[in-house]
Amino acid sequence: MVTAANETATGAATAASADAVVRVSGLTKVFKDFWHRPKARAVNNVSFEIRRGEVFGLLGPNGSGKSTTIKMLLGLLKPTSGLIQVLGRSPRDVRTKARIGYLPEESYLYKYLDSEETLEFFGNLFGLDARERHRRSEQLLDMVGLKRVQMRTVGEFSKGMQRRIGLAQALINDPDLVILDEPTAGMDPIGCREIKNLILTLAQRGKTVILSSHLLSDVEDVCDRAVIYYGGKIQAYGELKDLLTERETVRITLPVLPQEKLRHILDVIRADVAADRVQVDNPTQNLENYFLNIVRKARESEDTSGATSGSQVAEYLRGTEPVKSAVDRKIERLTAPKPDASAEPVVVQSEEKVDQKRLAALTATGSSPAAAPAEPAKAAPAANLSQANSKLSNLLGGDKK
C-alpha cells in the first residue's frame, strides 16, 4: 500500500514530462505463496517514463521482470506498490485498454478461424462497424503479407505466419500505445525488416511502441531509448545511442587511397598512438542487408507460395497528418510547457474485501461488531443427556455387577 509520503516523494517524478504516455515510479510486484508469504520479488522499485512518438526497448534476460512489467502496464496484474499511469489513466481502466494494441510472446488465436475471420472477430471486440472492420482487415492482411493465404485457417500457419496475423490483430483498433513482445520470433529476415519498418512508421505518426525482444540487433535498429532489467531492478536506462557510444575510441572512414598515401596517414597517426591500437580494414555490410538484397533480386524472376512481402503499411495506420521527423518531435518535447507538479498521480493501492451481507446486517440494526450481543448457547434436553451417558457407559464396559 502506498503512503502519503511515497506519493509526495514521487509526485514530481511522475509529472516530469508533459508528453509521457507511460509513467512508472517505485513500481514493485511481489508474488506470494498459498500462505501469503513473499515468494518472489519480480519487479523491485522500478521507475521510468515513455514519451509519445518514441520506440522504447524493454530488455533483460529471462526472469528479470519484463513480462511482469508488461502485464502491469496492461492491467492484467495489480502492482504490490508504486505509481503507474498509462495514457493518463489507470491501466485497469477500460478506456485505457481500448487504446492499447498488444502482441504477446505466444500467439493465442482461434486455430479454426482463417485470417480474415480472426481480424473480424477482434475488430468486433473493439466495436468497429462491419464496413470499417472489412476495410482494415483487407489493409492489414496485405500489409503483413497474408493476402494470398487469407482463406487458410490459423491452425495451419507456421510460427512466423502466426506472428504476422498476431501483429495484424494488435493493430486492428489503431492503438495509441503498441506493446510488442518478441514480434520477430520465428519470422524470416524479410519479415523482420518489414516489422522494423512498420515500428518506425508508427513512431513517426506519433504512436508509442514498447518493444521487448531478445534480438538486440532489432532493438538497436529501431529503439530511441531502452531500459535493461536484471533481478527485477533497472540496471541501465537512457538514450540508446548514449548507452552504446564508446567514448574511448574514434572511428575514421576514408575512401580507398593509394598505398603510399595510406601508409603516410598511418605513420602520422602512429606517431601519437600505439601501433597495436590502430586497425585498418574494409567496412562490411551486415548479413541482414546482404540477404535482403539477394532476395530482392530473386523476386524479380521467381515466385513463392509462402508469405509475401514488400507491401506498404495499412492506409489507416499511416494517417493523413504530415509525418514529423525525430528532430521536430524532440524540439517540441524540449519546448513544451512543464506540467503542474501538484497534479494528483495515480496511486495503486490494495483493495479491501467487504462482506456485503455482514455490512447490510449492521446498517439495518444500527449496531457494530463490538456491540453485537453473543447468541446464548442452547441447553441440551435432559433426555438427550441421559441417553449420551448410557452410551458412554456401554463403551467403557458398563457397570460391573
Protein backbone atom coordinates (compact mmCIF):
# COMPACT_ATOMS: atom_id res chain seq x y z
CA MET A 1 0.00 0.00 0.00
CA VAL A 2 1.34 3.41 -0.95
CA THR A 3 1.57 6.01 1.84
CA ALA A 4 1.17 9.79 1.56
CA ALA A 5 4.94 10.20 1.99
CA ASN A 6 5.61 7.94 -1.00
CA GLU A 7 3.06 9.85 -3.06
CA THR A 8 4.72 13.18 -2.25
CA ALA A 9 8.21 11.88 -2.98
CA THR A 10 7.24 10.50 -6.38
CA GLY A 11 4.79 13.19 -7.48
CA ALA A 12 7.45 15.28 -9.19
CA ALA A 13 8.91 12.25 -10.95
CA THR A 14 5.58 11.22 -12.45
CA ALA A 15 5.00 14.73 -13.79
CA ALA A 16 8.47 15.09 -15.30
CA SER A 17 7.31 15.19 -18.93
CA ALA A 18 4.20 16.68 -20.48
CA ASP A 19 4.02 14.11 -23.29
CA ALA A 20 4.68 10.98 -21.23
CA VAL A 21 2.38 8.15 -22.32
CA VAL A 22 3.57 5.78 -19.59
CA ARG A 23 4.68 6.93 -16.14
CA VAL A 24 6.06 4.43 -13.65
CA SER A 25 7.54 5.28 -10.25
CA GLY A 26 8.54 2.92 -7.46
CA LEU A 27 6.71 0.05 -9.16
CA THR A 28 7.01 -3.19 -7.19
CA LYS A 29 5.42 -6.60 -7.64
CA VAL A 30 5.83 -9.36 -5.05
CA PHE A 31 4.36 -12.79 -5.72
CA LYS A 32 3.20 -14.73 -2.67
CA ASP A 33 2.60 -18.40 -1.92
CA PHE A 34 -0.57 -20.06 -0.63
CA TRP A 35 0.08 -18.79 2.90
CA HIS A 36 0.60 -15.20 1.62
CA ARG A 37 4.30 -15.33 2.35
CA PRO A 38 6.56 -13.42 -0.09
CA LYS A 39 7.82 -15.89 -2.66
CA ALA A 40 9.46 -13.77 -5.38
CA ARG A 41 10.04 -10.06 -5.90
CA ALA A 42 9.62 -9.98 -9.68
CA VAL A 43 9.81 -6.17 -10.01
CA ASN A 44 11.64 -4.14 -7.40
CA ASN A 45 11.18 -0.35 -7.13
CA VAL A 46 11.24 0.38 -10.88
CA SER A 47 10.86 3.95 -12.23
CA PHE A 48 10.82 5.16 -15.85
CA GLU A 49 8.68 7.06 -18.34
CA ILE A 50 7.87 6.54 -22.02
CA ARG A 51 7.14 9.53 -24.24
CA ARG A 52 4.71 9.92 -27.09
CA GLY A 53 6.10 9.00 -30.51
CA GLU A 54 9.13 7.03 -29.35
CA VAL A 55 10.13 3.39 -29.56
CA PHE A 56 11.10 2.16 -26.10
CA GLY A 57 13.10 -1.03 -25.58
CA LEU A 58 12.36 -3.28 -22.62
CA LEU A 59 15.38 -5.57 -22.27
CA GLY A 60 16.70 -8.18 -19.88
CA PRO A 61 17.40 -11.92 -19.54
CA ASN A 62 14.70 -14.46 -18.82
CA GLY A 63 13.07 -13.98 -15.43
CA SER A 64 14.28 -10.40 -15.00
CA GLY A 65 10.78 -8.89 -14.70
CA LYS A 66 9.99 -7.74 -18.26
CA SER A 67 6.82 -9.80 -18.73
CA THR A 68 5.58 -8.87 -15.25
CA THR A 69 6.06 -5.19 -16.07
CA ILE A 70 4.14 -5.58 -19.33
CA LYS A 71 1.26 -7.32 -17.58
CA MET A 72 1.04 -4.50 -15.06
CA LEU A 73 1.05 -1.93 -17.87
CA LEU A 74 -1.84 -3.84 -19.44
CA GLY A 75 -3.77 -4.00 -16.18
CA LEU A 76 -3.59 -7.81 -16.11
CA LEU A 77 -1.59 -7.80 -12.87
CA LYS A 78 -2.05 -5.47 -9.94
CA PRO A 79 1.17 -3.96 -8.54
CA THR A 80 2.04 -4.56 -4.91
CA SER A 81 3.01 -0.88 -4.58
CA GLY A 82 4.08 2.11 -6.64
CA LEU A 83 2.65 4.60 -9.10
CA ILE A 84 1.61 3.64 -12.62
CA GLN A 85 -0.17 5.68 -15.28
CA VAL A 86 -0.89 4.70 -18.87
CA LEU A 87 -2.34 7.21 -21.34
CA GLY A 88 -3.28 9.49 -18.46
CA ARG A 89 -5.33 6.91 -16.57
CA SER A 90 -5.04 3.74 -14.57
CA PRO A 91 -4.02 0.76 -16.73
CA ARG A 92 -7.10 -1.10 -15.43
CA ASP A 93 -9.47 1.49 -16.89
CA VAL A 94 -11.47 0.15 -19.85
CA ARG A 95 -10.90 3.41 -21.74
CA THR A 96 -7.16 2.82 -21.43
CA LYS A 97 -7.36 -0.75 -22.73
CA ALA A 98 -9.32 0.40 -25.79
CA ARG A 99 -6.30 2.48 -26.89
CA ILE A 100 -3.68 -0.26 -26.48
CA GLY A 101 -2.56 -2.86 -29.02
CA TYR A 102 -0.76 -5.93 -27.64
CA LEU A 103 1.14 -8.73 -29.31
CA PRO A 104 2.00 -11.36 -26.66
CA GLU A 105 5.07 -13.57 -26.82
CA GLU A 106 2.90 -16.56 -27.76
CA SER A 107 0.07 -16.10 -30.26
CA TYR A 108 -3.22 -17.10 -28.61
CA LEU A 109 -5.53 -17.37 -31.61
CA TYR A 110 -8.52 -19.49 -32.56
CA LYS A 111 -6.98 -22.09 -34.85
CA TYR A 112 -10.21 -22.90 -36.71
CA LEU A 113 -10.69 -19.31 -37.92
CA ASP A 114 -8.99 -18.06 -41.06
CA SER A 115 -7.07 -14.80 -41.21
CA GLU A 116 -9.99 -12.62 -42.23
CA GLU A 117 -12.31 -14.15 -39.64
CA THR A 118 -9.68 -13.60 -36.96
CA LEU A 119 -9.43 -9.88 -37.72
CA GLU A 120 -13.22 -9.60 -37.97
CA PHE A 121 -13.51 -11.15 -34.51
CA PHE A 122 -11.03 -8.78 -32.86
CA GLY A 123 -12.42 -5.78 -34.72
CA ASN A 124 -15.87 -6.63 -33.38
CA LEU A 125 -14.47 -6.70 -29.84
CA PHE A 126 -13.45 -3.05 -30.28
CA GLY A 127 -16.90 -2.10 -31.55
CA LEU A 128 -15.89 -1.36 -35.16
CA ASP A 129 -18.76 -1.39 -37.63
CA ALA A 130 -18.80 -4.07 -40.34
CA ARG A 131 -17.60 -1.79 -43.17
CA GLU A 132 -14.66 -0.44 -41.15
CA ARG A 133 -13.70 -3.93 -39.95
CA HIS A 134 -13.62 -5.21 -43.51
CA ARG A 135 -11.60 -2.22 -44.75
CA ARG A 136 -8.99 -2.51 -42.02
CA SER A 137 -8.78 -6.30 -42.36
CA GLU A 138 -8.03 -6.03 -46.06
CA GLN A 139 -5.30 -3.45 -45.49
CA LEU A 140 -3.72 -5.36 -42.59
CA LEU A 141 -3.65 -8.69 -44.42
CA ASP A 142 -1.96 -7.00 -47.36
CA MET A 143 0.49 -5.27 -45.00
CA VAL A 144 1.61 -8.45 -43.20
CA GLY A 145 1.79 -10.48 -46.42
CA LEU A 146 -1.09 -12.89 -45.78
CA LYS A 147 -3.44 -11.73 -48.54
CA ARG A 148 -2.86 -14.83 -50.66
CA VAL A 149 -3.45 -17.26 -47.80
CA GLN A 150 -6.34 -15.47 -46.07
CA MET A 151 -8.66 -18.48 -46.54
CA ARG A 152 -6.34 -20.86 -44.68
CA THR A 153 -7.09 -21.46 -41.02
CA VAL A 154 -4.71 -20.07 -38.44
CA GLY A 155 -4.01 -23.58 -37.14
CA GLU A 156 -2.27 -24.38 -40.45
CA PHE A 157 0.11 -21.42 -40.17
CA SER A 158 3.77 -21.67 -39.33
CA LYS A 159 5.02 -19.78 -36.29
CA GLY A 160 6.22 -16.89 -38.41
CA MET A 161 2.84 -16.60 -40.15
CA GLN A 162 1.08 -16.71 -36.79
CA ARG A 163 3.23 -13.80 -35.64
CA ARG A 164 2.14 -11.89 -38.73
CA ILE A 165 -1.58 -12.37 -38.08
CA GLY A 166 -0.94 -11.67 -34.39
CA LEU A 167 0.62 -8.33 -35.31
CA ALA A 168 -2.37 -7.53 -37.52
CA GLN A 169 -4.84 -8.16 -34.68
CA ALA A 170 -2.75 -5.93 -32.38
CA LEU A 171 -3.25 -3.02 -34.81
CA ILE A 172 -6.91 -3.52 -35.75
CA ASN A 173 -8.06 -0.82 -33.29
CA ASP A 174 -5.50 1.78 -34.49
CA PRO A 175 -3.97 1.97 -30.97
CA ASP A 176 -2.07 4.89 -29.45
CA LEU A 177 0.20 2.54 -27.46
CA VAL A 178 1.53 -0.64 -29.08
CA ILE A 179 3.22 -3.27 -26.89
CA LEU A 180 5.16 -5.89 -28.85
CA ASP A 181 6.63 -8.90 -27.03
CA GLU A 182 9.12 -10.72 -29.28
CA PRO A 183 7.39 -9.59 -32.50
CA THR A 184 10.00 -11.09 -34.86
CA ALA A 185 10.27 -14.51 -33.19
CA GLY A 186 10.10 -17.22 -35.85
CA MET A 187 9.99 -14.74 -38.74
CA ASP A 188 12.28 -14.73 -41.75
CA PRO A 189 14.70 -11.82 -42.33
CA ILE A 190 12.31 -10.19 -44.80
CA GLY A 191 9.50 -10.23 -42.25
CA CYS A 192 11.85 -8.89 -39.57
CA ARG A 193 12.82 -5.94 -41.73
CA GLU A 194 9.16 -5.18 -42.53
CA ILE A 195 8.24 -5.30 -38.84
CA LYS A 196 11.00 -2.84 -38.03
CA ASN A 197 9.90 -0.53 -40.83
CA LEU A 198 6.34 -0.71 -39.51
CA ILE A 199 7.51 0.18 -35.99
CA LEU A 200 9.35 3.23 -37.31
CA THR A 201 6.28 4.29 -39.30
CA LEU A 202 4.06 4.02 -36.22
CA ALA A 203 6.51 6.14 -34.23
CA GLN A 204 6.66 8.78 -36.96
CA ARG A 205 2.88 9.05 -36.84
CA GLY A 206 3.09 9.83 -33.11
CA LYS A 207 2.24 6.42 -31.72
CA THR A 208 4.25 4.94 -28.86
CA VAL A 209 5.80 1.48 -29.20
CA ILE A 210 7.17 -0.69 -26.40
CA LEU A 211 9.43 -3.40 -27.79
CA SER A 212 10.53 -6.36 -25.70
CA SER A 213 12.93 -8.63 -27.56
CA HIS A 214 15.97 -10.83 -27.07
CA LEU A 215 17.13 -9.97 -30.60
CA LEU A 216 19.26 -6.99 -29.64
CA SER A 217 20.05 -6.11 -33.25
CA ASP A 218 16.33 -5.41 -33.81
CA VAL A 219 16.21 -3.24 -30.72
CA GLU A 220 19.29 -1.33 -31.82
CA ASP A 221 17.76 -0.63 -35.26
CA VAL A 222 14.50 0.94 -34.06
CA CYS A 223 14.60 1.98 -30.40
CA ASP A 224 15.15 5.56 -29.23
CA ARG A 225 15.60 4.71 -25.56
CA ALA A 226 15.81 1.49 -23.58
CA VAL A 227 15.79 0.08 -20.08
CA ILE A 228 17.74 -3.04 -19.09
CA TYR A 229 16.42 -5.21 -16.27
CA TYR A 230 18.22 -7.72 -14.09
CA GLY A 231 16.89 -9.26 -10.90
CA GLY A 232 13.74 -7.14 -11.11
CA LYS A 233 15.74 -3.89 -10.97
CA ILE A 234 16.79 -1.38 -13.62
CA GLN A 235 20.49 -1.71 -14.36
CA ALA A 236 20.68 0.79 -17.26
CA TYR A 237 18.26 3.38 -18.63
CA GLY A 238 18.58 6.16 -21.20
CA GLU A 239 19.08 7.09 -24.84
CA LEU A 240 20.25 4.04 -26.76
CA LYS A 241 22.94 5.91 -28.69
CA ASP A 242 24.37 7.24 -25.41
CA LEU A 243 24.39 3.79 -23.82
CA LEU A 244 26.21 2.26 -26.81
CA THR A 245 28.75 5.00 -27.53
CA GLU A 246 32.35 4.13 -26.67
CA ARG A 247 33.94 7.38 -25.60
CA GLU A 248 37.50 5.99 -25.57
CA THR A 249 37.80 5.37 -29.33
CA VAL A 250 37.20 7.31 -32.59
CA ARG A 251 36.39 5.79 -35.99
CA ILE A 252 37.59 7.49 -39.20
CA THR A 253 36.12 6.35 -42.54
CA LEU A 254 38.06 7.13 -45.73
CA PRO A 255 37.67 6.25 -49.40
CA VAL A 256 40.14 3.82 -50.93
CA LEU A 257 43.56 5.55 -51.14
CA PRO A 258 46.80 4.63 -52.88
CA GLN A 259 49.08 2.54 -50.73
CA GLU A 260 51.67 5.28 -50.33
CA LYS A 261 49.16 7.87 -49.06
CA LEU A 262 47.54 5.37 -46.72
CA ARG A 263 50.94 4.42 -45.27
CA HIS A 264 51.77 8.11 -44.76
CA ILE A 265 48.49 8.71 -42.89
CA LEU A 266 49.12 5.68 -40.68
CA ASP A 267 52.66 6.89 -39.90
CA VAL A 268 51.29 10.26 -38.77
CA ILE A 269 48.68 8.59 -36.55
CA ARG A 270 51.12 6.08 -35.07
CA ALA A 271 53.43 8.90 -34.05
CA ASP A 272 50.93 9.73 -31.29
CA VAL A 273 49.11 6.40 -30.84
CA ALA A 274 50.50 2.97 -30.08
CA ALA A 275 50.70 0.86 -33.23
CA ASP A 276 48.69 -2.02 -31.75
CA ARG A 277 45.71 0.29 -31.18
CA VAL A 278 45.38 1.30 -34.86
CA GLN A 279 43.35 -1.07 -37.06
CA VAL A 280 42.84 -0.93 -40.82
CA ASP A 281 40.19 -2.98 -42.62
CA ASN A 282 37.34 -2.70 -45.12
CA PRO A 283 33.84 -1.89 -43.83
CA THR A 284 31.29 -4.67 -44.23
CA GLN A 285 27.52 -4.68 -44.53
CA ASN A 286 25.57 -6.80 -42.08
CA LEU A 287 24.15 -10.16 -43.10
CA GLU A 288 20.57 -8.88 -42.96
CA ASN A 289 21.15 -6.24 -45.66
CA TYR A 290 23.06 -8.72 -47.81
CA PHE A 291 20.26 -11.28 -47.50
CA LEU A 292 17.57 -8.71 -48.39
CA ASN A 293 19.49 -7.64 -51.50
CA ILE A 294 19.74 -11.23 -52.71
CA VAL A 295 16.02 -11.88 -52.14
CA ARG A 296 15.06 -8.59 -53.80
CA LYS A 297 16.89 -9.63 -56.96
CA ALA A 298 15.42 -13.15 -56.89
CA ARG A 299 11.86 -11.82 -56.50
CA GLU A 300 12.07 -10.22 -59.94
CA SER A 301 12.14 -13.64 -61.64
CA GLU A 302 10.85 -16.13 -59.06
CA ASP A 303 7.50 -16.74 -57.30
CA THR A 304 6.67 -18.18 -53.88
CA SER A 305 3.69 -19.91 -52.25
CA GLY A 306 4.54 -18.64 -48.76
CA ALA A 307 4.05 -15.29 -47.09
CA THR A 308 4.75 -12.39 -49.39
CA SER A 309 6.49 -9.13 -48.60
CA GLY A 310 7.02 -5.64 -49.88
CA SER A 311 3.52 -4.34 -49.09
CA GLN A 312 3.02 -0.89 -47.69
CA VAL A 313 1.78 -0.01 -44.22
CA ALA A 314 -2.01 -0.07 -43.92
CA GLU A 315 -3.54 3.21 -45.07
CA TYR A 316 -5.46 3.89 -41.85
CA LEU A 317 -2.24 3.41 -39.84
CA ARG A 318 -0.35 5.94 -41.96
CA GLY A 319 -2.89 8.66 -41.20
CA THR A 320 -3.39 11.94 -43.05
CA GLU A 321 -1.26 14.33 -40.98
CA PRO A 322 2.29 15.14 -42.18
CA VAL A 323 4.94 12.98 -40.58
CA LYS A 324 7.20 14.78 -38.12
CA SER A 325 10.89 13.98 -38.01
CA ALA A 326 12.66 12.84 -34.87
CA VAL A 327 14.31 16.26 -34.60
CA ASP A 328 10.96 18.06 -34.75
CA ARG A 329 9.50 15.79 -32.08
CA LYS A 330 12.49 16.39 -29.81
CA ILE A 331 12.21 20.16 -30.25
CA GLU A 332 8.52 20.03 -29.34
CA ARG A 333 9.34 17.96 -26.28
CA LEU A 334 12.03 20.36 -25.09
CA THR A 335 9.88 23.46 -25.62
CA ALA A 336 6.64 22.01 -24.21
CA PRO A 337 5.33 23.73 -21.06
CA LYS A 338 6.04 21.91 -17.83
CA PRO A 339 3.02 20.18 -16.29
CA ASP A 340 1.63 21.13 -12.92
CA ALA A 341 3.75 19.35 -10.33
CA SER A 342 0.80 19.35 -7.94
CA ALA A 343 -1.25 17.16 -10.26
CA GLU A 344 -2.55 14.17 -8.42
CA PRO A 345 -0.78 10.98 -9.56
CA VAL A 346 -2.42 7.62 -9.95
CA VAL A 347 -1.85 5.66 -6.75
CA VAL A 348 -2.10 1.89 -6.79
CA GLN A 349 -3.44 0.56 -3.52
CA SER A 350 -4.59 -2.81 -2.35
CA GLU A 351 -8.35 -3.30 -2.37
CA GLU A 352 -10.07 -4.36 0.84
CA LYS A 353 -12.68 -7.06 0.54
CA VAL A 354 -16.00 -6.21 2.20
CA ASP A 355 -18.55 -8.74 3.39
CA GLN A 356 -21.66 -7.22 1.83
CA LYS A 357 -24.10 -9.40 3.79
CA ARG A 358 -22.47 -8.53 7.10
CA LEU A 359 -22.42 -4.84 6.16
CA ALA A 360 -26.13 -4.87 5.26
CA ALA A 361 -26.99 -6.54 8.59
CA LEU A 362 -25.01 -3.96 10.56
CA THR A 363 -26.56 -0.98 8.77
CA ALA A 364 -30.05 -2.41 9.22
CA THR A 365 -29.77 -2.86 13.00
CA GLY A 366 -27.53 0.16 13.65
CA SER A 367 -25.15 -1.98 15.68
CA SER A 368 -21.41 -2.53 15.48
CA PRO A 369 -19.43 -5.77 15.62
CA ALA A 370 -18.25 -4.94 19.15
CA ALA A 371 -21.78 -4.19 20.38
CA ALA A 372 -23.43 -7.22 18.79
CA PRO A 373 -24.68 -9.49 21.59
CA ALA A 374 -23.42 -13.01 21.68
CA GLU A 375 -26.01 -15.64 20.89
CA PRO A 376 -26.77 -17.69 24.05
CA ALA A 377 -25.97 -21.35 23.94
CA LYS A 378 -28.96 -23.67 23.89
CA ALA A 379 -29.34 -26.01 26.84
CA ALA A 380 -29.32 -29.71 25.98
CA PRO A 381 -32.55 -31.57 26.87
CA ALA A 382 -32.31 -33.88 29.92
CA ALA A 383 -33.42 -36.94 27.91
CA ASN A 384 -30.61 -36.48 25.39
CA LEU A 385 -28.10 -36.07 28.21
CA SER A 386 -29.21 -39.30 29.92
CA GLN A 387 -29.01 -41.20 26.63
CA ALA A 388 -25.50 -39.94 25.99
CA ASN A 389 -24.34 -41.04 29.46
CA SER A 390 -25.76 -44.52 28.85
CA LYS A 391 -23.88 -44.89 25.53
CA LEU A 392 -20.66 -43.71 27.11
CA SER A 393 -21.04 -46.24 29.92
CA ASN A 394 -21.55 -49.06 27.43
CA LEU A 395 -18.39 -48.06 25.53
CA LEU A 396 -16.36 -48.12 28.74
CA GLY A 397 -17.55 -51.62 29.62
CA GLY A 398 -20.71 -50.84 31.60
CA ASP A 399 -21.27 -51.29 35.34
CA LYS A 400 -19.87 -54.44 36.87
CA LYS A 401 -22.45 -56.48 38.76
